[in-house]
Protein backbone atom coordinates (compact mmCIF):
# COMPACT_ATOMS: atom_id res chain seq x y z
CA MET A 1 -5.09 14.67 -49.89
CA ARG A 2 -2.23 13.97 -47.46
CA ASN A 3 -0.46 17.28 -45.85
CA LYS A 4 3.12 18.03 -45.01
CA ARG A 5 2.51 16.82 -41.42
CA ASP A 6 1.20 13.39 -42.48
CA THR A 7 4.54 12.56 -43.59
CA GLU A 8 6.73 13.51 -40.98
CA ALA A 9 8.54 10.98 -39.32
CA GLY A 10 7.52 10.68 -35.22
CA ALA A 11 4.65 11.99 -33.33
CA PRO A 12 2.29 14.22 -34.82
CA SER A 13 2.60 17.51 -33.40
CA ARG A 14 0.72 18.58 -30.56
CA ARG A 15 0.59 22.43 -31.28
CA ARG A 16 -2.85 24.08 -31.88
CA ASP A 17 -2.76 26.60 -34.81
CA ASN A 18 -4.00 29.42 -32.44
CA ALA A 19 -1.10 28.63 -30.13
CA VAL A 20 -0.62 31.22 -27.50
CA ARG A 21 3.19 32.34 -26.79
CA PRO A 22 4.75 31.82 -23.52
CA GLU A 23 4.25 35.43 -22.79
CA GLY A 24 0.66 35.33 -22.98
CA GLY A 25 -0.14 36.91 -26.45
CA PRO A 26 -0.67 35.39 -30.05
CA SER A 27 2.40 35.38 -32.20
CA PRO A 28 1.79 37.86 -35.06
CA ARG A 29 3.81 35.66 -37.56
CA ARG A 30 3.83 31.82 -36.51
CA PRO A 31 2.22 30.18 -33.52
CA ALA A 32 4.76 29.02 -30.72
CA PRO A 33 6.60 25.92 -30.74
CA PHE A 34 5.06 23.33 -28.45
CA ARG A 35 6.95 23.55 -24.98
CA HIS A 36 7.45 20.23 -22.85
CA LEU A 37 9.61 20.04 -19.56
CA ALA A 38 13.31 18.72 -20.18
CA HIS A 39 13.77 15.28 -19.39
CA VAL A 40 15.09 14.60 -16.39
CA PRO A 41 18.63 12.85 -16.27
CA SER A 42 19.03 9.52 -14.35
CA PHE A 43 19.65 9.95 -10.49
CA ARG A 44 22.90 8.20 -11.27
CA ASN A 45 24.51 5.77 -14.16
CA ASN A 46 23.94 2.26 -12.77
CA PRO A 47 21.13 2.38 -9.68
CA ILE A 48 20.16 -0.53 -7.67
CA VAL A 49 16.99 -2.39 -9.11
CA PHE A 50 14.47 -4.12 -7.33
CA PHE A 51 13.02 -7.17 -9.11
CA THR A 52 9.95 -9.65 -8.32
CA THR A 53 9.13 -12.52 -10.99
CA CYS A 54 6.76 -15.32 -10.11
CA THR A 55 6.50 -18.62 -10.97
CA TYR A 56 4.15 -19.84 -13.72
CA GLN A 57 0.87 -20.30 -12.46
CA ARG A 58 2.58 -19.40 -9.07
CA ALA A 59 3.63 -23.02 -8.44
CA LYS A 60 5.32 -23.53 -5.37
CA ILE A 61 8.76 -25.03 -6.54
CA LEU A 62 11.56 -22.29 -5.69
CA ALA A 63 11.91 -22.58 -2.06
CA SER A 64 14.40 -25.42 -2.45
CA PRO A 65 17.96 -26.03 -2.23
CA GLN A 66 18.23 -26.84 -5.87
CA CYS A 67 16.59 -23.76 -7.09
CA GLU A 68 18.45 -21.88 -4.60
CA LYS A 69 21.64 -23.34 -6.36
CA THR A 70 20.58 -22.99 -9.61
CA LEU A 71 19.64 -19.26 -9.41
CA TYR A 72 22.48 -18.23 -7.44
CA GLU A 73 25.07 -20.06 -9.69
CA ILE A 74 23.68 -18.02 -12.95
CA TRP A 75 23.43 -14.80 -10.98
CA GLN A 76 27.27 -15.22 -10.33
CA ARG A 77 27.95 -15.98 -13.84
CA SER A 78 26.07 -12.97 -15.06
CA ALA A 79 28.34 -10.80 -13.13
CA ASP A 80 31.13 -11.99 -15.61
CA TYR A 81 29.18 -12.54 -18.89
CA ASP A 82 26.29 -9.55 -18.81
CA ASP A 83 27.69 -6.97 -16.24
CA TRP A 84 24.77 -7.52 -14.05
CA TYR A 85 25.37 -8.02 -10.46
CA VAL A 86 22.83 -9.85 -7.92
CA GLY A 87 22.91 -8.69 -4.43
CA HIS A 88 20.44 -9.51 -1.44
CA TYR A 89 17.66 -12.05 -2.72
CA ILE A 90 15.02 -14.05 -0.98
CA LEU A 91 13.07 -17.05 -2.59
CA MET A 92 9.77 -17.79 -1.42
CA PRO A 93 7.63 -20.97 -2.75
CA ASP A 94 6.19 -18.89 -5.68
CA HIS A 95 8.50 -15.95 -6.60
CA VAL A 96 11.80 -14.40 -6.06
CA ASP A 97 12.72 -10.97 -4.73
CA PHE A 98 16.07 -9.64 -5.65
CA PHE A 99 18.19 -6.59 -5.90
CA ALA A 100 20.71 -5.99 -8.47
CA ARG A 101 22.73 -3.43 -10.09
CA SER A 102 24.42 -3.36 -13.79
CA GLU A 103 27.65 -1.83 -15.34
CA ILE A 104 27.20 1.04 -17.60
CA ASP A 105 27.60 -1.27 -20.69
CA ALA A 106 25.68 -4.33 -19.35
CA ARG A 107 23.28 -6.10 -21.28
CA PRO A 108 19.61 -4.56 -21.28
CA MET A 109 17.53 -5.37 -18.51
CA ALA A 110 14.81 -7.53 -20.47
CA ASP A 111 17.44 -9.27 -22.43
CA TRP A 112 18.92 -10.27 -19.25
CA VAL A 113 15.90 -11.25 -17.28
CA GLN A 114 14.97 -13.16 -20.24
CA MET A 115 18.11 -15.01 -20.55
CA TRP A 116 18.56 -16.01 -16.68
CA LYS A 117 15.03 -17.07 -17.13
CA SER A 118 15.23 -19.13 -19.73
CA VAL A 119 18.68 -20.72 -18.59
CA SER A 120 17.12 -21.45 -14.95
CA SER A 121 14.08 -22.65 -16.30
CA ARG A 122 15.75 -25.47 -18.12
CA GLN A 123 17.85 -26.19 -15.07
CA ILE A 124 14.87 -26.12 -12.33
CA ALA A 125 12.78 -28.13 -14.68
CA ALA A 126 15.42 -30.85 -14.81
CA ALA A 127 16.34 -30.63 -11.38
CA LEU A 128 12.77 -30.90 -9.77
CA ALA A 129 11.64 -33.67 -12.80
CA ILE A 130 8.87 -31.13 -13.75
CA ASP A 131 7.68 -29.39 -17.14
CA PRO A 132 8.60 -25.94 -18.07
CA PRO A 133 7.55 -23.25 -18.16
CA ILE A 134 8.96 -22.12 -14.82
CA TRP A 135 8.54 -18.64 -14.66
CA GLN A 136 5.78 -15.95 -15.55
CA THR A 137 6.44 -13.98 -18.78
CA ASP A 138 6.47 -10.96 -16.90
CA TYR A 139 8.18 -9.44 -13.99
CA PHE A 140 8.30 -6.45 -11.55
CA ASP A 141 11.50 -4.28 -11.94
CA ARG A 142 11.88 -0.71 -9.62
CA TYR A 143 14.59 1.52 -9.72
CA LEU A 144 15.63 2.53 -6.05
CA ARG A 145 16.73 6.08 -5.39
CA SER A 146 18.33 6.13 -2.29
CA SER A 147 20.02 3.83 0.51
CA GLU A 148 16.95 4.73 2.31
CA ILE A 149 14.51 3.19 -0.14
CA TYR A 150 16.85 0.32 -0.25
CA SER A 151 16.49 -0.60 3.33
CA GLU A 152 12.72 -0.04 3.27
CA LYS A 153 12.35 -2.37 0.37
CA TRP A 154 14.92 -5.09 2.02
CA HIS A 155 13.23 -4.89 5.25
CA TYR A 156 9.65 -5.69 3.49
CA VAL A 157 11.28 -8.44 1.41
CA GLU A 158 13.02 -10.18 4.47
CA GLN A 159 9.63 -10.33 6.22
CA ASN A 160 8.11 -11.99 3.48
CA ALA A 161 7.96 -15.40 4.76
CA VAL A 162 6.72 -14.26 8.22
CA ARG A 163 4.01 -12.35 6.52
CA ALA A 164 3.10 -15.75 4.48
CA GLY A 165 2.78 -17.55 7.65
CA LEU A 166 5.66 -19.94 6.73
CA VAL A 167 7.67 -18.98 9.83
CA GLU A 168 7.33 -16.94 12.90
CA THR A 169 10.39 -15.05 12.35
CA ILE A 170 12.82 -14.33 9.64
CA ASP A 171 15.44 -16.01 11.52
CA LEU A 172 13.76 -19.64 10.88
CA TRP A 173 13.97 -18.92 6.84
CA ALA A 174 16.83 -19.62 4.76
CA VAL A 175 19.32 -16.92 5.06
CA PRO A 176 19.68 -14.72 2.32
CA ARG A 177 23.01 -14.43 0.51
CA ASN A 178 24.95 -11.01 -0.37
CA ASP A 179 28.15 -11.92 -2.47
CA SER A 180 28.05 -8.48 -4.26
């Protein structure tokens, strides 16, 4: 037999029948409603997001002028068409790290990432004469909450080539662009 709770929309109530009122005692008439913390509002309307996405099977194909040009052009156009603005970025052989910010009414993040990965995958595959896929399906994103966090993250990212043993100093790696 189904009860009323089974037919209601949404998640089932976590309220217990013997709930204790917030003041500490049981209610003589009905249990206290389930209480939860209020949602924390966003720290700002359009935060900077840090992204990392890797190539399919970590193929070492991105550290080339063709890949850099392709991604740069796609990200430049995305500001006009999708309201996503890409700032600093570093191309490593098997992944890209970048910072982006969206307008409030921008294309949803997952849709935007899927779009630029799809377009760049076709263009990179053609430029390098390789078969797609170019990108892993998943990606990492992290909302940055302050300029200090941004600075820390950028310092970490720009040292990737040094940590990977590709160069001795960051000055020897390709100069990152920041046209935002």
